[in-house]
């Protein structure tokens, strides 16, 4: 199996996890755990796992001059990303958050073009446009979608989180040539833990663990191990073989995968022409961004 195919499979798994995360995290917050406290649990739990793997299985030293880069990545990829996402999710609806995150591939493409000099081709723009169309076709007809002042602050936080995550995807790319995936994430999360600690310290003391149902413990475990540990590792691993814009385009699969969960697992939804059309648009958009036509590339070189 080629490295490119492995990277695409990793991204598919990541977005399966993310597709479930919106509703699972919403069950925990704010009824049982406040958003910033949840971030601390998420970052702290994953940090322990990253350092266990990085210390015992990946023996790699880092260049001291790269510490500032890890600190910057932690600011965008952990602190701003997670604090704003979970706080924003607690103030808005899961469907609003999913729609706003559609902006992520566009922001990634623009930042990658400016920082990494990644080419903005017509094919990529068409692919992103198809992905947006498919995602919106699924999301905008959802009955729980709403726009209003009551969700505005949360919606803005989700938008800034999307931009922050885009910065992380672009800025982490150069370090992939130098370090192992676990080396990168363990240092990023170490800095990230100290960034989020001041925001979450008071909230974590308010958590009433003894009154928490067992299901909520399982939800927290899923977010720590699945959405954080495995998702960050697989996302970073995929960036070794793929460009940031390709990694980000997979976000359009999340509403489609969530629909499949509802149809085939929870059996509380049905497939119809709208959903099938949306799925075709999303998959076609991912394909156009992920697999550029070789003939077009050759003509450019000539």
C-alpha atoms as a PDB file:
ATOM      1  CA  UNK A   1       0.000   0.000   0.000  1.00  0.00           C
ATOM      2  CA  UNK A   2       1.430   3.380  -1.012  1.00  0.00           C
ATOM      3  CA  UNK A   3       2.090   6.110   1.539  1.00  0.00           C
ATOM      4  CA  UNK A   4      -0.439   8.324  -0.200  1.00  0.00           C
ATOM      5  CA  UNK A   5      -3.188   5.707   0.123  1.00  0.00           C
ATOM      6  CA  UNK A   6      -2.269   5.125   3.777  1.00  0.00           C
ATOM      7  CA  UNK A   7      -2.565   8.874   4.373  1.00  0.00           C
ATOM      8  CA  UNK A   8      -6.023   8.988   2.765  1.00  0.00           C
ATOM      9  CA  UNK A   9      -7.183   6.046   4.875  1.00  0.00           C
ATOM     10  CA  UNK A  10      -5.844   7.806   7.988  1.00  0.00           C
ATOM     11  CA  UNK A  11      -7.860  10.909   7.094  1.00  0.00           C
ATOM     12  CA  UNK A  12     -10.986   8.824   6.542  1.00  0.00           C
ATOM     13  CA  UNK A  13     -10.628   7.388  10.061  1.00  0.00           C
ATOM     14  CA  UNK A  14      -9.997  10.870  11.490  1.00  0.00           C
ATOM     15  CA  UNK A  15     -13.173  12.254   9.986  1.00  0.00           C
ATOM     16  CA  UNK A  16     -15.212   9.278  11.134  1.00  0.00           C
ATOM     17  CA  UNK A  17     -14.063  10.228  14.629  1.00  0.00           C
ATOM     18  CA  UNK A  18     -14.744  13.932  14.098  1.00  0.00           C
ATOM     19  CA  UNK A  19     -18.167  13.200  12.640  1.00  0.00           C
ATOM     20  CA  UNK A  20     -19.195  11.574  15.918  1.00  0.00           C
ATOM     21  CA  UNK A  21     -17.404  14.120  18.120  1.00  0.00           C
ATOM     22  CA  UNK A  22     -19.838  17.022  17.682  1.00  0.00           C
ATOM     23  CA  UNK A  23     -22.713  15.293  19.423  1.00  0.00           C
ATOM     24  CA  UNK A  24     -20.612  13.330  21.936  1.00  0.00           C
ATOM     25  CA  UNK A  25     -18.802  16.434  23.217  1.00  0.00           C
ATOM     26  CA  UNK A  26     -22.140  18.273  23.424  1.00  0.00           C
ATOM     27  CA  UNK A  27     -23.452  15.574  25.791  1.00  0.00           C
ATOM     28  CA  UNK A  28     -20.628  16.315  28.231  1.00  0.00           C
ATOM     29  CA  UNK A  29     -20.775  20.119  28.083  1.00  0.00           C
ATOM     30  CA  UNK A  30     -21.858  22.106  29.917  1.00  0.00           C
ATOM     31  CA  UNK A  31     -24.103  19.826  31.986  1.00  0.00           C
ATOM     32  CA  UNK A  32     -21.258  17.824  33.538  1.00  0.00           C
ATOM     33  CA  UNK A  33     -17.998  19.519  32.577  1.00  0.00           C
ATOM     34  CA  UNK A  34     -17.457  23.150  31.635  1.00  0.00           C
ATOM     35  CA  UNK A  35     -15.743  23.739  28.262  1.00  0.00           C
ATOM     36  CA  UNK A  36     -12.326  24.869  29.501  1.00  0.00           C
ATOM     37  CA  UNK A  37     -12.184  22.055  32.050  1.00  0.00           C
ATOM     38  CA  UNK A  38     -13.026  19.631  29.245  1.00  0.00           C
ATOM     39  CA  UNK A  39     -10.139  21.041  27.198  1.00  0.00           C
ATOM     40  CA  UNK A  40      -7.763  20.443  30.105  1.00  0.00           C
ATOM     41  CA  UNK A  41      -8.973  16.847  30.450  1.00  0.00           C
ATOM     42  CA  UNK A  42      -8.588  16.355  26.723  1.00  0.00           C
ATOM     43  CA  UNK A  43      -5.131  17.900  26.450  1.00  0.00           C
ATOM     44  CA  UNK A  44      -3.817  16.432  29.707  1.00  0.00           C
ATOM     45  CA  UNK A  45      -5.038  12.921  28.940  1.00  0.00           C
ATOM     46  CA  UNK A  46      -3.647  12.925  25.414  1.00  0.00           C
ATOM     47  CA  UNK A  47      -0.387  14.489  26.632  1.00  0.00           C
ATOM     48  CA  UNK A  48       0.254  11.501  28.912  1.00  0.00           C
ATOM     49  CA  UNK A  49      -0.394   9.082  26.045  1.00  0.00           C
ATOM     50  CA  UNK A  50       1.832  11.016  23.624  1.00  0.00           C
ATOM     51  CA  UNK A  51       4.753  11.110  26.056  1.00  0.00           C
ATOM     52  CA  UNK A  52       4.439   7.424  26.937  1.00  0.00           C
ATOM     53  CA  UNK A  53       4.681   6.481  23.257  1.00  0.00           C
ATOM     54  CA  UNK A  54       7.281   9.146  22.468  1.00  0.00           C
ATOM     55  CA  UNK A  55       9.516   8.255  25.418  1.00  0.00           C
ATOM     56  CA  UNK A  56       9.485   4.460  25.229  1.00  0.00           C
ATOM     57  CA  UNK A  57       9.103   3.820  21.498  1.00  0.00           C
ATOM     58  CA  UNK A  58      10.368   6.923  19.655  1.00  0.00           C
ATOM     59  CA  UNK A  59      13.817   7.936  20.846  1.00  0.00           C
ATOM     60  CA  UNK A  60      14.438  11.173  19.009  1.00  0.00           C
ATOM     61  CA  UNK A  61      16.096  14.393  20.115  1.00  0.00           C
ATOM     62  CA  UNK A  62      14.882  17.780  18.975  1.00  0.00           C
ATOM     63  CA  UNK A  63      16.818  20.834  17.929  1.00  0.00           C
ATOM     64  CA  UNK A  64      16.481  23.497  20.637  1.00  0.00           C
ATOM     65  CA  UNK A  65      15.830  26.165  18.017  1.00  0.00           C
ATOM     66  CA  UNK A  66      12.642  24.302  17.095  1.00  0.00           C
ATOM     67  CA  UNK A  67      11.158  24.720  20.567  1.00  0.00           C
ATOM     68  CA  UNK A  68       9.738  28.102  19.565  1.00  0.00           C
ATOM     69  CA  UNK A  69       8.075  26.451  16.552  1.00  0.00           C
ATOM     70  CA  UNK A  70       6.497  23.812  18.759  1.00  0.00           C
ATOM     71  CA  UNK A  71       5.279  26.566  21.072  1.00  0.00           C
ATOM     72  CA  UNK A  72       3.681  28.402  18.138  1.00  0.00           C
ATOM     73  CA  UNK A  73       2.055  25.200  16.876  1.00  0.00           C
ATOM     74  CA  UNK A  74       0.681  24.570  20.354  1.00  0.00           C
ATOM     75  CA  UNK A  75      -0.862  28.037  20.389  1.00  0.00           C
ATOM     76  CA  UNK A  76      -2.726  27.474  17.110  1.00  0.00           C
ATOM     77  CA  UNK A  77      -3.252  23.708  17.131  1.00  0.00           C
ATOM     78  CA  UNK A  78      -4.054  23.111  20.802  1.00  0.00           C
ATOM     79  CA  UNK A  79      -4.828  26.230  22.847  1.00  0.00           C
ATOM     80  CA  UNK A  80      -6.787  28.440  20.425  1.00  0.00           C
ATOM     81  CA  UNK A  81      -8.145  25.473  18.501  1.00  0.00           C
ATOM     82  CA  UNK A  82      -9.534  23.496  21.428  1.00  0.00           C
ATOM     83  CA  UNK A  83     -10.454  26.299  23.833  1.00  0.00           C
ATOM     84  CA  UNK A  84     -12.426  28.134  21.178  1.00  0.00           C
ATOM     85  CA  UNK A  85     -13.981  24.998  19.684  1.00  0.00           C
ATOM     86  CA  UNK A  86     -15.337  23.530  22.913  1.00  0.00           C
ATOM     87  CA  UNK A  87     -16.361  26.898  24.349  1.00  0.00           C
ATOM     88  CA  UNK A  88     -18.000  27.810  21.048  1.00  0.00           C
ATOM     89  CA  UNK A  89     -19.744  24.432  20.822  1.00  0.00           C
ATOM     90  CA  UNK A  90     -21.216  24.964  24.280  1.00  0.00           C
ATOM     91  CA  UNK A  91     -22.737  28.269  23.076  1.00  0.00           C
ATOM     92  CA  UNK A  92     -24.023  27.149  19.681  1.00  0.00           C
ATOM     93  CA  UNK A  93     -25.499  24.039  18.078  1.00  0.00           C
ATOM     94  CA  UNK A  94     -23.559  21.083  16.622  1.00  0.00           C
ATOM     95  CA  UNK A  95     -25.080  21.759  13.194  1.00  0.00           C
ATOM     96  CA  UNK A  96     -24.004  25.427  13.287  1.00  0.00           C
ATOM     97  CA  UNK A  97     -20.475  24.379  14.225  1.00  0.00           C
ATOM     98  CA  UNK A  98     -20.344  21.860  11.365  1.00  0.00           C
ATOM     99  CA  UNK A  99     -21.454  24.481   8.841  1.00  0.00           C
ATOM    100  CA  UNK A 100     -18.935  27.081  10.044  1.00  0.00           C
ATOM    101  CA  UNK A 101     -16.073  24.561   9.871  1.00  0.00           C
ATOM    102  CA  UNK A 102     -16.743  24.349   6.128  1.00  0.00           C
ATOM    103  CA  UNK A 103     -14.588  27.504   5.887  1.00  0.00           C
ATOM    104  CA  UNK A 104     -11.496  25.546   6.963  1.00  0.00           C
ATOM    105  CA  UNK A 105     -10.298  24.213   3.561  1.00  0.00           C
ATOM    106  CA  UNK A 106     -10.617  27.675   2.017  1.00  0.00           C
ATOM    107  CA  UNK A 107      -8.520  29.243   4.773  1.00  0.00           C
ATOM    108  CA  UNK A 108      -5.968  26.424   4.549  1.00  0.00           C
ATOM    109  CA  UNK A 109      -5.636  26.879   0.803  1.00  0.00           C
ATOM    110  CA  UNK A 110      -5.021  30.622   1.162  1.00  0.00           C
ATOM    111  CA  UNK A 111      -2.486  30.243   4.011  1.00  0.00           C
ATOM    112  CA  UNK A 112      -0.679  27.380   2.254  1.00  0.00           C
ATOM    113  CA  UNK A 113      -0.407  29.502  -0.882  1.00  0.00           C
ATOM    114  CA  UNK A 114       1.088  32.390   1.114  1.00  0.00           C
ATOM    115  CA  UNK A 115       3.385  30.419   3.442  1.00  0.00           C
ATOM    116  CA  UNK A 116       4.268  27.217   1.574  1.00  0.00           C
ATOM    117  CA  UNK A 117       3.798  28.636  -1.930  1.00  0.00           C
ATOM    118  CA  UNK A 118       1.316  25.846  -2.642  1.00  0.00           C
ATOM    119  CA  UNK A 119      -0.270  26.289  -6.062  1.00  0.00           C
ATOM    120  CA  UNK A 120      -3.922  27.371  -6.112  1.00  0.00           C
ATOM    121  CA  UNK A 121      -5.155  25.553  -9.206  1.00  0.00           C
ATOM    122  CA  UNK A 122      -8.556  25.816 -10.847  1.00  0.00           C
ATOM    123  CA  UNK A 123      -9.046  22.132 -10.109  1.00  0.00           C
ATOM    124  CA  UNK A 124      -8.579  22.666  -6.364  1.00  0.00           C
ATOM    125  CA  UNK A 125     -10.956  25.616  -6.363  1.00  0.00           C
ATOM    126  CA  UNK A 126     -13.592  23.582  -8.212  1.00  0.00           C
ATOM    127  CA  UNK A 127     -13.052  20.683  -5.788  1.00  0.00           C
ATOM    128  CA  UNK A 128     -13.491  22.901  -2.742  1.00  0.00           C
ATOM    129  CA  UNK A 129     -16.563  24.466  -4.338  1.00  0.00           C
ATOM    130  CA  UNK A 130     -18.132  21.041  -4.900  1.00  0.00           C
ATOM    131  CA  UNK A 131     -17.301  20.027  -1.341  1.00  0.00           C
ATOM    132  CA  UNK A 132     -18.929  23.165   0.041  1.00  0.00           C
ATOM    133  CA  UNK A 133     -22.017  22.612  -2.108  1.00  0.00           C
ATOM    134  CA  UNK A 134     -22.400  19.027  -0.947  1.00  0.00           C
ATOM    135  CA  UNK A 135     -21.856  19.836   2.712  1.00  0.00           C
ATOM    136  CA  UNK A 136     -24.311  22.732   2.636  1.00  0.00           C
ATOM    137  CA  UNK A 137     -26.872  20.590   0.810  1.00  0.00           C
ATOM    138  CA  UNK A 138     -26.738  18.199   3.757  1.00  0.00           C
ATOM    139  CA  UNK A 139     -26.542  20.769   6.533  1.00  0.00           C
ATOM    140  CA  UNK A 140     -28.774  23.667   5.537  1.00  0.00           C
ATOM    141  CA  UNK A 141     -31.862  21.477   5.303  1.00  0.00           C
ATOM    142  CA  UNK A 142     -31.310  20.098   8.793  1.00  0.00           C
ATOM    143  CA  UNK A 143     -34.114  21.119  11.141  1.00  0.00           C
ATOM    144  CA  UNK A 144     -31.715  22.009  13.966  1.00  0.00           C
ATOM    145  CA  UNK A 145     -29.889  24.653  11.914  1.00  0.00           C
ATOM    146  CA  UNK A 146     -30.469  28.192  13.133  1.00  0.00           C
ATOM    147  CA  UNK A 147     -28.813  31.597  12.988  1.00  0.00           C
ATOM    148  CA  UNK A 148     -29.459  34.212  15.637  1.00  0.00           C
ATOM    149  CA  UNK A 149     -28.014  36.366  18.406  1.00  0.00           C
ATOM    150  CA  UNK A 150     -28.331  33.502  20.895  1.00  0.00           C
ATOM    151  CA  UNK A 151     -25.657  31.508  19.057  1.00  0.00           C
ATOM    152  CA  UNK A 152     -23.599  34.395  17.652  1.00  0.00           C
ATOM    153  CA  UNK A 153     -20.771  34.343  20.220  1.00  0.00           C
ATOM    154  CA  UNK A 154     -20.381  30.595  19.878  1.00  0.00           C
ATOM    155  CA  UNK A 155     -20.477  30.820  16.081  1.00  0.00           C
ATOM    156  CA  UNK A 156     -17.666  33.422  16.086  1.00  0.00           C
ATOM    157  CA  UNK A 157     -15.532  31.230  18.362  1.00  0.00           C
ATOM    158  CA  UNK A 158     -15.977  28.266  16.005  1.00  0.00           C
ATOM    159  CA  UNK A 159     -14.930  30.451  13.068  1.00  0.00           C
ATOM    160  CA  UNK A 160     -11.744  31.646  14.807  1.00  0.00           C
ATOM    161  CA  UNK A 161     -11.074  28.031  15.800  1.00  0.00           C
ATOM    162  CA  UNK A 162     -11.325  27.063  12.132  1.00  0.00           C
ATOM    163  CA  UNK A 163      -8.741  29.696  11.177  1.00  0.00           C
ATOM    164  CA  UNK A 164      -6.467  28.614  14.022  1.00  0.00           C
ATOM    165  CA  UNK A 165      -6.619  24.963  12.930  1.00  0.00           C
ATOM    166  CA  UNK A 166      -5.796  26.033   9.370  1.00  0.00           C
ATOM    167  CA  UNK A 167      -2.676  27.799  10.646  1.00  0.00           C
ATOM    168  CA  UNK A 168      -1.630  24.627  12.471  1.00  0.00           C
ATOM    169  CA  UNK A 169      -2.054  22.404   9.400  1.00  0.00           C
ATOM    170  CA  UNK A 170       0.129  24.704   7.301  1.00  0.00           C
ATOM    171  CA  UNK A 171       2.834  25.523   9.867  1.00  0.00           C
ATOM    172  CA  UNK A 172       3.356  21.921  11.003  1.00  0.00           C
ATOM    173  CA  UNK A 173       4.101  20.718   7.458  1.00  0.00           C
ATOM    174  CA  UNK A 174       7.816  21.770   7.323  1.00  0.00           C
ATOM    175  CA  UNK A 175       8.576  19.939  10.585  1.00  0.00           C
ATOM    176  CA  UNK A 176       7.284  16.669   9.114  1.00  0.00           C
ATOM    177  CA  UNK A 177      10.515  16.318   7.129  1.00  0.00           C
ATOM    178  CA  UNK A 178      12.571  16.548  10.297  1.00  0.00           C
ATOM    179  CA  UNK A 179      10.763  14.674  13.080  1.00  0.00           C
ATOM    180  CA  UNK A 180       8.644  11.617  13.796  1.00  0.00           C
ATOM    181  CA  UNK A 181       4.912  12.230  14.158  1.00  0.00           C
ATOM    182  CA  UNK A 182       4.889  11.396  17.887  1.00  0.00           C
ATOM    183  CA  UNK A 183       7.869  13.676  18.534  1.00  0.00           C
ATOM    184  CA  UNK A 184       5.934  16.594  17.065  1.00  0.00           C
ATOM    185  CA  UNK A 185       2.635  16.005  18.843  1.00  0.00           C
ATOM    186  CA  UNK A 186       4.155  15.272  22.249  1.00  0.00           C
ATOM    187  CA  UNK A 187       5.984  18.608  22.284  1.00  0.00           C
ATOM    188  CA  UNK A 188       3.033  20.490  20.822  1.00  0.00           C
ATOM    189  CA  UNK A 189       0.772  19.101  23.552  1.00  0.00           C
ATOM    190  CA  UNK A 190       3.297  19.804  26.294  1.00  0.00           C
ATOM    191  CA  UNK A 191       3.279  23.502  25.448  1.00  0.00           C
ATOM    192  CA  UNK A 192      -0.467  23.359  24.840  1.00  0.00           C
ATOM    193  CA  UNK A 193      -1.131  21.952  28.305  1.00  0.00           C
ATOM    194  CA  UNK A 194       0.518  24.930  29.992  1.00  0.00           C
ATOM    195  CA  UNK A 195      -1.353  27.315  27.675  1.00  0.00           C
ATOM    196  CA  UNK A 196      -4.797  25.967  28.640  1.00  0.00           C
ATOM    197  CA  UNK A 197      -4.109  25.354  32.352  1.00  0.00           C
ATOM    198  CA  UNK A 198      -4.753  28.958  33.513  1.00  0.00           C
ATOM    199  CA  UNK A 199      -8.109  29.055  31.675  1.00  0.00           C
ATOM    200  CA  UNK A 200      -9.299  25.700  33.012  1.00  0.00           C
ATOM    201  CA  UNK A 201      -7.948  25.599  36.562  1.00  0.00           C
ATOM    202  CA  UNK A 202     -11.036  27.033  38.253  1.00  0.00           C
ATOM    203  CA  UNK A 203     -13.495  25.013  36.125  1.00  0.00           C
ATOM    204  CA  UNK A 204     -11.783  21.668  36.710  1.00  0.00           C
ATOM    205  CA  UNK A 205     -12.247  22.097  40.467  1.00  0.00           C
ATOM    206  CA  UNK A 206     -15.999  22.467  39.949  1.00  0.00           C
ATOM    207  CA  UNK A 207     -16.475  19.071  38.260  1.00  0.00           C
ATOM    208  CA  UNK A 208     -18.632  16.777  40.404  1.00  0.00           C
ATOM    209  CA  UNK A 209     -17.155  13.422  39.450  1.00  0.00           C
ATOM    210  CA  UNK A 210     -19.304  11.378  41.824  1.00  0.00           C
ATOM    211  CA  UNK A 211     -22.541  12.630  40.201  1.00  0.00           C
ATOM    212  CA  UNK A 212     -21.401  11.898  36.660  1.00  0.00           C
ATOM    213  CA  UNK A 213     -23.167   8.999  34.843  1.00  0.00           C
ATOM    214  CA  UNK A 214     -20.969   6.207  33.490  1.00  0.00           C
ATOM    215  CA  UNK A 215     -21.946   7.128  29.921  1.00  0.00           C
ATOM    216  CA  UNK A 216     -20.362  10.558  30.350  1.00  0.00           C
ATOM    217  CA  UNK A 217     -17.110   8.931  31.453  1.00  0.00           C
ATOM    218  CA  UNK A 218     -17.176   6.928  28.226  1.00  0.00           C
ATOM    219  CA  UNK A 219     -17.867  10.120  26.253  1.00  0.00           C
ATOM    220  CA  UNK A 220     -14.875  11.832  27.858  1.00  0.00           C
ATOM    221  CA  UNK A 221     -12.718   8.800  27.108  1.00  0.00           C
ATOM    222  CA  UNK A 222     -13.769   8.898  23.455  1.00  0.00           C
ATOM    223  CA  UNK A 223     -12.848  12.584  23.146  1.00  0.00           C
ATOM    224  CA  UNK A 224      -9.472  12.124  24.884  1.00  0.00           C
ATOM    225  CA  UNK A 225      -8.387   8.919  23.146  1.00  0.00           C
ATOM    226  CA  UNK A 226     -10.238   9.148  19.843  1.00  0.00           C
ATOM    227  CA  UNK A 227     -10.772  12.797  18.975  1.00  0.00           C
ATOM    228  CA  UNK A 228      -7.487  13.955  20.483  1.00  0.00           C
ATOM    229  CA  UNK A 229      -4.849  11.208  20.654  1.00  0.00           C
ATOM    230  CA  UNK A 230      -5.623   9.218  17.511  1.00  0.00           C
ATOM    231  CA  UNK A 231      -6.968  12.137  15.463  1.00  0.00           C
ATOM    232  CA  UNK A 232      -3.911  14.353  16.025  1.00  0.00           C
ATOM    233  CA  UNK A 233      -1.518  11.485  15.296  1.00  0.00           C
ATOM    234  CA  UNK A 234      -3.333  10.442  12.118  1.00  0.00           C
ATOM    235  CA  UNK A 235      -3.773  14.036  10.898  1.00  0.00           C
ATOM    236  CA  UNK A 236      -0.083  14.776  11.409  1.00  0.00           C
ATOM    237  CA  UNK A 237       0.889  11.454   9.826  1.00  0.00           C
ATOM    238  CA  UNK A 238      -1.233  12.225   6.755  1.00  0.00           C
ATOM    239  CA  UNK A 239       0.564  15.546   6.296  1.00  0.00           C
ATOM    240  CA  UNK A 240       3.757  13.614   5.530  1.00  0.00           C
ATOM    241  CA  UNK A 241       2.333  12.434   2.223  1.00  0.00           C
ATOM    242  CA  UNK A 242      -0.330  15.024   1.455  1.00  0.00           C
ATOM    243  CA  UNK A 243      -0.584  18.807   1.273  1.00  0.00           C
ATOM    244  CA  UNK A 244      -2.456  20.806   3.952  1.00  0.00           C
ATOM    245  CA  UNK A 245      -5.241  21.617   1.469  1.00  0.00           C
ATOM    246  CA  UNK A 246      -5.828  17.904   0.812  1.00  0.00           C
ATOM    247  CA  UNK A 247      -5.927  17.141   4.549  1.00  0.00           C
ATOM    248  CA  UNK A 248      -8.410  19.953   5.163  1.00  0.00           C
ATOM    249  CA  UNK A 249     -10.785  19.031   2.303  1.00  0.00           C
ATOM    250  CA  UNK A 250     -11.704  15.860   4.204  1.00  0.00           C
ATOM    251  CA  UNK A 251     -13.699  18.009   6.629  1.00  0.00           C
ATOM    252  CA  UNK A 252     -16.500  17.959   4.057  1.00  0.00           C
ATOM    253  CA  UNK A 253     -16.928  14.237   4.682  1.00  0.00           C
ATOM    254  CA  UNK A 254     -17.944  14.836   8.305  1.00  0.00           C
ATOM    255  CA  UNK A 255     -21.629  15.745   7.741  1.00  0.00           C
ATOM    256  CA  UNK A 256     -21.924  12.939   5.178  1.00  0.00           C
ATOM    257  CA  UNK A 257     -20.387  10.380   7.571  1.00  0.00           C
ATOM    258  CA  UNK A 258     -22.630  11.639  10.369  1.00  0.00           C
ATOM    259  CA  UNK A 259     -25.595  11.001   8.065  1.00  0.00           C
ATOM    260  CA  UNK A 260     -24.393   7.441   7.410  1.00  0.00           C
ATOM    261  CA  UNK A 261     -24.162   6.873  11.172  1.00  0.00           C
ATOM    262  CA  UNK A 262     -27.752   8.075  11.528  1.00  0.00           C
ATOM    263  CA  UNK A 263     -29.017   5.875   8.677  1.00  0.00           C
ATOM    264  CA  UNK A 264     -27.203   2.587   9.246  1.00  0.00           C
ATOM    265  CA  UNK A 265     -26.286   2.561  12.952  1.00  0.00           C
ATOM    266  CA  UNK A 266     -28.839   4.648  14.845  1.00  0.00           C
ATOM    267  CA  UNK A 267     -31.529   4.029  12.186  1.00  0.00           C
ATOM    268  CA  UNK A 268     -33.129   7.410  12.854  1.00  0.00           C
ATOM    269  CA  UNK A 269     -32.682   8.784   9.340  1.00  0.00           C
ATOM    270  CA  UNK A 270     -33.160   7.679   5.736  1.00  0.00           C
ATOM    271  CA  UNK A 271     -31.284   8.068   2.480  1.00  0.00           C
ATOM    272  CA  UNK A 272     -32.919  10.262  -0.144  1.00  0.00           C
ATOM    273  CA  UNK A 273     -31.973  11.939  -3.407  1.00  0.00           C
ATOM    274  CA  UNK A 274     -30.716  15.089  -1.634  1.00  0.00           C
ATOM    275  CA  UNK A 275     -28.303  13.121   0.567  1.00  0.00           C
ATOM    276  CA  UNK A 276     -27.088  10.949  -2.289  1.00  0.00           C
ATOM    277  CA  UNK A 277     -26.490  14.055  -4.447  1.00  0.00           C
ATOM    278  CA  UNK A 278     -24.619  15.718  -1.580  1.00  0.00           C
ATOM    279  CA  UNK A 279     -22.462  12.615  -1.126  1.00  0.00           C
ATOM    280  CA  UNK A 280     -21.547  12.576  -4.833  1.00  0.00           C
ATOM    281  CA  UNK A 281     -20.582  16.279  -4.739  1.00  0.00           C
ATOM    282  CA  UNK A 282     -18.447  15.837  -1.611  1.00  0.00           C
ATOM    283  CA  UNK A 283     -16.621  12.741  -2.863  1.00  0.00           C
ATOM    284  CA  UNK A 284     -16.004  14.373  -6.253  1.00  0.00           C
ATOM    285  CA  UNK A 285     -14.697  17.510  -4.516  1.00  0.00           C
ATOM    286  CA  UNK A 286     -12.310  15.462  -2.349  1.00  0.00           C
ATOM    287  CA  UNK A 287     -11.111  13.623  -5.442  1.00  0.00           C
ATOM    288  CA  UNK A 288     -10.391  16.816  -7.410  1.00  0.00           C
ATOM    289  CA  UNK A 289      -8.377  18.347  -4.560  1.00  0.00           C
ATOM    290  CA  UNK A 290      -6.573  15.111  -3.683  1.00  0.00           C
ATOM    291  CA  UNK A 291      -5.703  13.731  -7.105  1.00  0.00           C
ATOM    292  CA  UNK A 292      -4.609  16.411  -9.599  1.00  0.00           C
ATOM    293  CA  UNK A 293      -4.654  15.456 -13.268  1.00  0.00           C
ATOM    294  CA  UNK A 294      -1.147  14.453 -14.339  1.00  0.00           C
ATOM    295  CA  UNK A 295      -1.643  15.637 -17.905  1.00  0.00           C
ATOM    296  CA  UNK A 296      -2.372  19.153 -16.709  1.00  0.00           C
ATOM    297  CA  UNK A 297       0.747  19.113 -14.528  1.00  0.00           C
ATOM    298  CA  UNK A 298       2.894  17.986 -17.444  1.00  0.00           C
ATOM    299  CA  UNK A 299       1.614  20.771 -19.665  1.00  0.00           C
ATOM    300  CA  UNK A 300       2.484  23.336 -17.039  1.00  0.00           C
ATOM    301  CA  UNK A 301       6.032  21.980 -16.758  1.00  0.00           C
ATOM    302  CA  UNK A 302       6.484  22.079 -20.526  1.00  0.00           C
END
